[in-house]
């Protein structure tokens, strides 16, 4: 996540894709990258608008941010790494621009702008205000551990600085809400009415819907399976031990924690199915743990 947000002059993805184009209706979109940065251009065939790209948000897909009047205007195309091409930004398929200005991009609200920078950068929001002057691109220690920067500085000077609080002391529910600041909490998904397969990417919400989830049982938490300080572990096998802590033969059986009758390994392959995000060119692991049967409707 250290590269969750990058500036235009340090974006290796755009440098390796020096010319990207997209056609939507009567409008053509072009992103060109040269030594001095990247430029975004929209044309209707007769007139065109062109501005520099300032920020790039994301890893598997990159949403490009432009500065026009307000701090952020999002262009309607998104660079998806899985297809190495531009396509419509997730959630913008229903937009049908009628003018060149509308086609150029969507101006974000204050809340959306703070959410983008707050989740993709460090020190970008202070006291509920956007503070881009002190922003550090990407997720650094300070984003999750308040006081980490002061602590690191003290250590480098041979001093003893204040030790940031350990997130491992949080309950599963507190951890879910903490991670949900960016990955969306159960409450936010419900409040915003994010129904259907689009919410598969909001892991705290999906996990809270699991029959086996208990906000006070430390055997099932975000950090039970994922170490935020390490690269994401791929594949199902490495997570089997976590599943068997509750559902293994040696675990204390209960009405909700029975041993699987079908297999003893690869638990996540069956009980946490993978789903392609509609229009997103990305596959997510559904964190709503369940007995998933072929043909079953998507559970909200």
Protein backbone atom coordinates (compact mmCIF):
# COMPACT_ATOMS: atom_id res chain seq x y z
CA UNK A 1 0.00 0.00 0.00
CA UNK A 2 3.02 2.28 0.00
CA UNK A 3 2.13 2.95 -3.65
CA UNK A 4 -1.61 3.45 -3.11
CA UNK A 5 -1.14 6.99 -4.41
CA UNK A 6 1.67 8.23 -6.62
CA UNK A 7 2.44 11.58 -8.18
CA UNK A 8 2.49 12.03 -11.94
CA UNK A 9 6.28 12.20 -12.26
CA UNK A 10 6.85 8.95 -10.31
CA UNK A 11 4.21 6.65 -11.78
CA UNK A 12 5.97 3.61 -13.33
CA UNK A 13 2.71 2.26 -14.74
CA UNK A 14 2.07 5.30 -16.92
CA UNK A 15 5.72 5.37 -17.97
CA UNK A 16 5.41 1.80 -19.27
CA UNK A 17 2.11 2.70 -20.95
CA UNK A 18 3.06 5.94 -22.70
CA UNK A 19 -0.10 6.14 -24.81
CA UNK A 20 -3.53 5.00 -23.66
CA UNK A 21 -6.83 5.66 -25.37
CA UNK A 22 -10.54 5.04 -24.82
CA UNK A 23 -13.66 5.75 -26.87
CA UNK A 24 -17.01 6.33 -25.14
CA UNK A 25 -19.88 7.41 -27.37
CA UNK A 26 -18.90 10.54 -29.23
CA UNK A 27 -15.91 11.28 -27.00
CA UNK A 28 -12.31 10.09 -27.29
CA UNK A 29 -9.90 9.98 -24.36
CA UNK A 30 -6.11 9.99 -24.57
CA UNK A 31 -3.40 9.75 -21.91
CA UNK A 32 0.11 10.48 -23.13
CA UNK A 33 3.22 10.21 -20.98
CA UNK A 34 6.47 11.93 -21.81
CA UNK A 35 9.59 12.70 -19.76
CA UNK A 36 7.96 15.71 -18.12
CA UNK A 37 4.76 13.96 -17.03
CA UNK A 38 1.40 12.69 -18.25
CA UNK A 39 -1.34 14.62 -20.02
CA UNK A 40 -5.04 13.81 -20.21
CA UNK A 41 -7.01 14.90 -23.29
CA UNK A 42 -10.69 14.60 -24.23
CA UNK A 43 -12.09 15.46 -27.64
CA UNK A 44 -15.43 15.30 -29.42
CA UNK A 45 -13.77 15.52 -32.82
CA UNK A 46 -14.11 19.29 -33.07
CA UNK A 47 -12.97 20.64 -29.72
CA UNK A 48 -10.71 19.26 -27.01
CA UNK A 49 -9.61 19.86 -23.42
CA UNK A 50 -6.22 18.86 -22.08
CA UNK A 51 -4.62 19.06 -18.60
CA UNK A 52 -1.73 17.41 -16.72
CA UNK A 53 -2.46 14.37 -14.53
CA UNK A 54 -1.55 15.15 -10.93
CA UNK A 55 -2.27 11.97 -8.95
CA UNK A 56 -2.83 8.26 -9.59
CA UNK A 57 -4.88 6.32 -7.04
CA UNK A 58 -4.75 2.53 -6.68
CA UNK A 59 -2.67 -0.55 -7.48
CA UNK A 60 -4.58 -3.18 -9.48
CA UNK A 61 -6.43 -0.34 -11.18
CA UNK A 62 -5.47 3.29 -11.28
CA UNK A 63 -7.93 6.15 -11.13
CA UNK A 64 -6.35 9.35 -12.34
CA UNK A 65 -6.91 12.62 -10.51
CA UNK A 66 -6.83 16.09 -12.04
CA UNK A 67 -6.71 19.48 -10.32
CA UNK A 68 -9.32 21.85 -11.74
CA UNK A 69 -10.70 24.61 -9.49
CA UNK A 70 -11.25 22.18 -6.61
CA UNK A 71 -8.56 19.79 -5.33
CA UNK A 72 -9.81 16.81 -7.33
CA UNK A 73 -11.67 15.98 -10.49
CA UNK A 74 -11.75 12.32 -11.51
CA UNK A 75 -11.52 11.40 -15.14
CA UNK A 76 -14.06 8.81 -16.40
CA UNK A 77 -11.50 6.27 -17.54
CA UNK A 78 -9.52 3.93 -15.31
CA UNK A 79 -6.31 2.04 -16.09
CA UNK A 80 -6.86 -1.64 -15.29
CA UNK A 81 -3.64 -3.62 -14.87
CA UNK A 82 -5.34 -6.95 -15.65
CA UNK A 83 -6.14 -5.85 -19.21
CA UNK A 84 -3.39 -3.23 -19.57
CA UNK A 85 -5.89 -0.77 -20.96
CA UNK A 86 -8.27 2.04 -20.11
CA UNK A 87 -11.91 1.31 -19.43
CA UNK A 88 -14.81 3.09 -17.77
CA UNK A 89 -14.23 3.91 -14.11
CA UNK A 90 -16.07 1.54 -11.77
CA UNK A 91 -19.48 2.98 -10.96
CA UNK A 92 -19.53 5.46 -13.85
CA UNK A 93 -21.14 3.23 -16.49
CA UNK A 94 -24.48 4.95 -15.96
CA UNK A 95 -23.06 8.40 -16.71
CA UNK A 96 -23.83 9.73 -20.20
CA UNK A 97 -22.10 13.09 -20.74
CA UNK A 98 -23.87 15.59 -22.97
CA UNK A 99 -21.08 18.16 -23.23
CA UNK A 100 -17.32 18.12 -23.54
CA UNK A 101 -17.02 19.50 -20.00
CA UNK A 102 -19.17 16.68 -18.60
CA UNK A 103 -17.16 14.13 -20.59
CA UNK A 104 -13.93 15.53 -19.20
CA UNK A 105 -14.58 14.11 -15.75
CA UNK A 106 -16.68 14.14 -12.62
CA UNK A 107 -16.03 16.74 -9.94
CA UNK A 108 -15.93 15.04 -6.56
CA UNK A 109 -17.64 16.31 -3.43
CA UNK A 110 -15.65 17.35 -0.37
CA UNK A 111 -16.50 14.04 1.30
CA UNK A 112 -15.40 11.99 -1.72
CA UNK A 113 -12.18 13.97 -2.08
CA UNK A 114 -11.27 13.51 1.59
CA UNK A 115 -12.07 9.79 1.31
CA UNK A 116 -9.82 9.35 -1.74
CA UNK A 117 -6.82 11.08 -0.20
CA UNK A 118 -7.51 9.86 3.32
CA UNK A 119 -7.38 6.21 2.26
CA UNK A 120 -4.59 6.41 -0.31
CA UNK A 121 -2.17 8.78 1.41
CA UNK A 122 -0.76 9.69 4.81
CA UNK A 123 -1.38 12.99 6.63
CA UNK A 124 -3.78 14.08 3.89
CA UNK A 125 -6.68 14.82 6.24
CA UNK A 126 -6.42 16.61 9.58
CA UNK A 127 -9.36 17.62 11.77
CA UNK A 128 -11.70 16.62 8.94
CA UNK A 129 -9.96 19.04 6.57
CA UNK A 130 -7.92 18.23 3.48
CA UNK A 131 -4.25 19.09 4.10
CA UNK A 132 -2.43 18.28 0.87
CA UNK A 133 0.56 20.46 1.75
CA UNK A 134 1.68 17.94 4.39
CA UNK A 135 0.50 14.85 2.53
CA UNK A 136 2.78 11.85 2.02
CA UNK A 137 1.75 9.73 -1.00
CA UNK A 138 0.86 6.14 -0.12
CA UNK A 139 0.12 4.38 3.17
CA UNK A 140 2.95 4.87 5.66
CA UNK A 141 3.24 3.80 9.31
CA UNK A 142 1.70 7.04 10.57
CA UNK A 143 -1.55 6.40 8.65
CA UNK A 144 -2.48 3.53 10.99
CA UNK A 145 -0.17 4.07 13.98
CA UNK A 146 -0.59 7.53 15.46
CA UNK A 147 2.78 8.73 16.74
CA UNK A 148 4.82 6.34 14.60
CA UNK A 149 6.72 9.17 12.89
CA UNK A 150 7.71 10.73 16.22
CA UNK A 151 8.73 7.31 17.53
CA UNK A 152 10.89 6.55 14.48
CA UNK A 153 12.58 9.96 14.68
CA UNK A 154 13.41 9.43 18.35
CA UNK A 155 14.89 5.98 17.66
CA UNK A 156 17.05 7.39 14.85
CA UNK A 157 18.44 9.91 17.34
CA UNK A 158 19.16 7.26 19.95
CA UNK A 159 16.34 8.41 22.18
CA UNK A 160 13.29 6.70 23.61
CA UNK A 161 10.17 8.06 22.00
CA UNK A 162 6.49 7.39 22.69
CA UNK A 163 5.49 3.89 21.54
CA UNK A 164 2.40 3.84 19.28
CA UNK A 165 -0.53 1.79 20.51
CA UNK A 166 -0.70 -1.81 19.33
CA UNK A 167 -3.62 -2.48 17.03
CA UNK A 168 -3.43 -6.15 18.00
CA UNK A 169 -5.09 -5.24 21.27
CA UNK A 170 -8.30 -4.29 19.50
CA UNK A 171 -11.28 -6.63 19.52
CA UNK A 172 -12.35 -8.13 16.16
CA UNK A 173 -15.21 -5.62 15.97
CA UNK A 174 -12.86 -2.72 16.69
CA UNK A 175 -10.38 -4.05 14.14
CA UNK A 176 -13.14 -4.37 11.55
CA UNK A 177 -14.18 -0.77 12.13
CA UNK A 178 -10.56 0.39 12.04
CA UNK A 179 -9.79 -1.36 8.73
CA UNK A 180 -13.24 -0.35 7.53
CA UNK A 181 -12.17 3.29 7.49
CA UNK A 182 -10.93 2.49 3.99
CA UNK A 183 -12.30 -0.98 3.26
CA UNK A 184 -15.84 0.09 4.29
CA UNK A 185 -17.53 -0.85 7.54
CA UNK A 186 -20.79 -2.81 7.72
CA UNK A 187 -22.61 0.36 8.72
CA UNK A 188 -21.30 2.39 5.79
CA UNK A 189 -22.21 -0.21 3.18
CA UNK A 190 -25.75 -0.46 4.57
CA UNK A 191 -26.13 3.32 4.90
CA UNK A 192 -24.93 3.95 1.34
CA UNK A 193 -27.17 1.22 -0.08
CA UNK A 194 -24.30 -0.63 -1.78
CA UNK A 195 -26.26 -3.71 -2.74
CA UNK A 196 -25.29 -6.57 -5.03
CA UNK A 197 -21.97 -7.90 -6.26
CA UNK A 198 -20.36 -4.45 -6.17
CA UNK A 199 -19.95 -4.82 -2.39
CA UNK A 200 -17.75 -7.94 -2.65
CA UNK A 201 -14.71 -5.66 -2.33
CA UNK A 202 -15.78 -4.39 1.10
CA UNK A 203 -14.28 -7.11 3.28
CA UNK A 204 -15.35 -5.89 6.77
CA UNK A 205 -18.97 -5.77 5.62
CA UNK A 206 -18.82 -9.20 4.00
CA UNK A 207 -17.10 -10.83 6.97
CA UNK A 208 -19.63 -9.37 9.42
CA UNK A 209 -22.38 -11.12 7.44
CA UNK A 210 -20.75 -14.52 8.04
CA UNK A 211 -22.66 -16.88 10.32
CA UNK A 212 -19.46 -17.63 12.23
CA UNK A 213 -18.52 -13.99 12.84
CA UNK A 214 -18.51 -12.89 16.45
CA UNK A 215 -17.19 -9.41 17.18
CA UNK A 216 -15.66 -10.66 20.43
CA UNK A 217 -14.02 -13.90 19.25
CA UNK A 218 -10.39 -13.17 18.39
CA UNK A 219 -10.15 -16.29 16.23
CA UNK A 220 -11.88 -14.40 13.41
CA UNK A 221 -10.60 -10.92 12.72
CA UNK A 222 -8.99 -9.04 9.82
CA UNK A 223 -5.54 -9.64 11.31
CA UNK A 224 -6.24 -13.32 12.00
CA UNK A 225 -5.45 -14.05 8.36
CA UNK A 226 -3.75 -10.89 7.11
CA UNK A 227 -0.57 -9.25 8.36
CA UNK A 228 -0.83 -5.61 7.26
CA UNK A 229 2.97 -5.33 7.29
CA UNK A 230 3.47 -8.07 4.70
CA UNK A 231 2.49 -8.77 1.12
CA UNK A 232 -0.91 -10.42 0.71
CA UNK A 233 -0.59 -14.22 0.82
CA UNK A 234 -2.22 -15.80 -2.23
CA UNK A 235 -3.90 -19.18 -2.48
CA UNK A 236 -6.18 -21.08 -0.09
CA UNK A 237 -3.76 -23.52 1.56
CA UNK A 238 -1.91 -20.99 3.80
CA UNK A 239 -5.22 -20.10 5.47
CA UNK A 240 -6.31 -23.64 6.33
CA UNK A 241 -4.82 -23.49 9.83
CA UNK A 242 -6.91 -20.39 10.58
CA UNK A 243 -10.11 -22.17 9.52
CA UNK A 244 -9.25 -25.30 11.51
CA UNK A 245 -8.73 -23.26 14.67
CA UNK A 246 -12.53 -23.30 14.87
CA UNK A 247 -13.59 -26.05 12.49
CA UNK A 248 -10.80 -28.62 12.85
CA UNK A 249 -11.25 -32.01 14.49
CA UNK A 250 -9.33 -30.86 17.56
CA UNK A 251 -11.29 -27.63 17.96
CA UNK A 252 -14.16 -27.45 20.38
CA UNK A 253 -17.22 -28.32 18.31
CA UNK A 254 -20.41 -26.32 18.54
CA UNK A 255 -23.58 -25.85 16.57
CA UNK A 256 -21.84 -23.23 14.40
CA UNK A 257 -18.32 -24.69 14.24
CA UNK A 258 -18.57 -28.18 12.84
CA UNK A 259 -15.79 -30.00 11.00
CA UNK A 260 -16.13 -30.06 7.21
CA UNK A 261 -17.39 -33.38 5.81
CA UNK A 262 -16.10 -32.71 2.30
CA UNK A 263 -12.39 -31.85 2.65
CA UNK A 264 -9.67 -31.08 5.15
CA UNK A 265 -7.74 -28.52 3.12
CA UNK A 266 -8.29 -25.68 0.68
CA UNK A 267 -11.15 -24.42 2.87
CA UNK A 268 -11.33 -20.96 1.32
CA UNK A 269 -11.80 -22.38 -2.18
CA UNK A 270 -15.28 -23.56 -1.22
CA UNK A 271 -16.32 -21.34 1.64
CA UNK A 272 -14.93 -18.00 0.39
CA UNK A 273 -15.65 -18.08 -3.35
CA UNK A 274 -13.95 -15.71 -5.76
CA UNK A 275 -16.06 -13.26 -7.70
CA UNK A 276 -15.23 -10.90 -10.53
CA UNK A 277 -16.13 -7.34 -9.69
CA UNK A 278 -18.74 -6.18 -12.24
CA UNK A 279 -17.02 -3.86 -14.70
CA UNK A 280 -13.85 -3.94 -12.62
CA UNK A 281 -11.66 -6.49 -14.43
CA UNK A 282 -10.63 -7.74 -10.98
CA UNK A 283 -11.43 -10.85 -8.95
CA UNK A 284 -12.10 -10.57 -5.22
CA UNK A 285 -12.33 -13.22 -2.53
CA UNK A 286 -15.76 -13.00 -0.94
CA UNK A 287 -15.23 -12.67 2.81
CA UNK A 288 -18.80 -13.73 3.63
CA UNK A 289 -17.86 -17.21 4.87
CA UNK A 290 -20.55 -19.77 4.06
CA UNK A 291 -21.40 -22.99 2.28
CA UNK A 292 -21.38 -21.62 -1.26
CA UNK A 293 -23.30 -23.72 -3.78
CA UNK A 294 -23.24 -23.27 -7.54
CA UNK A 295 -26.26 -21.32 -8.72
CA UNK A 296 -26.98 -19.71 -5.36
CA UNK A 297 -27.87 -16.00 -5.60
CA UNK A 298 -25.33 -13.51 -4.31
CA UNK A 299 -26.02 -13.00 -0.61
CA UNK A 300 -26.24 -9.40 0.56
